[in-house]
Protein backbone atom coordinates (compact mmCIF):
# COMPACT_ATOMS: atom_id res chain seq x y z
CA UNK A 1 -17.49 -2.23 -9.86
CA UNK A 2 -19.76 -3.33 -6.53
CA UNK A 3 -19.54 -0.84 -3.71
CA UNK A 4 -16.79 -4.01 -1.96
CA UNK A 5 -14.76 -3.23 -3.92
CA UNK A 6 -14.63 0.72 -4.23
CA UNK A 7 -14.50 0.37 -0.44
CA UNK A 8 -11.71 -2.07 -0.33
CA UNK A 9 -9.79 0.84 -2.82
CA UNK A 10 -10.59 3.16 -0.81
CA UNK A 11 -9.49 1.09 2.53
CA UNK A 12 -6.42 0.42 0.54
CA UNK A 13 -5.95 4.22 -0.73
CA UNK A 14 -5.88 5.42 2.72
CA UNK A 15 -3.59 3.19 4.00
CA UNK A 16 -1.04 3.48 1.04
CA UNK A 17 -1.39 7.15 1.83
CA UNK A 18 -0.28 6.90 5.39
CA UNK A 19 2.43 3.60 4.75
CA UNK A 20 4.59 5.29 1.65
CA UNK A 21 5.76 8.48 3.58
CA UNK A 22 6.71 5.53 7.04
CA UNK A 23 8.56 3.84 3.86
CA UNK A 24 10.63 7.08 3.05
CA UNK A 25 10.97 8.03 6.54
CA UNK A 26 12.05 4.83 7.70
CA UNK A 27 14.77 5.21 4.02
CA UNK A 28 16.12 7.86 5.62
CA UNK A 29 17.42 6.07 9.20
CA UNK A 30 17.83 3.28 7.54
CA UNK A 31 18.34 1.30 11.07
CA UNK A 32 15.85 -1.37 10.91
CA UNK A 33 16.58 -3.21 6.93
CA UNK A 34 13.32 -5.21 7.37
CA UNK A 35 11.09 -2.15 8.06
CA UNK A 36 12.34 -1.28 4.64
CA UNK A 37 11.24 -4.97 3.12
CA UNK A 38 8.55 -4.79 4.73
CA UNK A 39 6.59 -1.88 4.26
CA UNK A 40 7.66 -2.39 1.01
CA UNK A 41 5.99 -5.67 0.59
CA UNK A 42 2.54 -4.58 2.30
CA UNK A 43 2.63 -1.57 0.17
CA UNK A 44 3.26 -3.80 -3.24
CA UNK A 45 0.60 -6.43 -2.20
CA UNK A 46 -1.38 -3.47 -1.75
CA UNK A 47 -1.20 -1.01 -5.60
CA UNK A 48 -0.76 -4.40 -6.79
CA UNK A 49 -4.57 -5.52 -5.36
CA UNK A 50 -5.52 -1.80 -6.58
CA UNK A 51 -5.22 -2.27 -10.41
CA UNK A 52 -6.73 -6.04 -9.88
CA UNK A 53 -9.98 -4.21 -8.56
CA UNK A 54 -9.30 -1.18 -11.54
CA UNK A 55 -9.20 -3.55 -13.99
CA UNK A 56 -12.20 -5.73 -12.99
CA UNK A 57 -14.76 -3.20 -13.53
């Protein structure tokens, strides 16, 4: 894993740390179902990208 991949992985993990509590809060309120779907999709994409980066070690 090179520097660029490590940095991208750090950025992804940081984003996930902020997005997961937002998703939990959005699920509790459930005012905007589109927001829940959007957060789930974005978290899924980021997790997939992180998994891909880790697999390419």
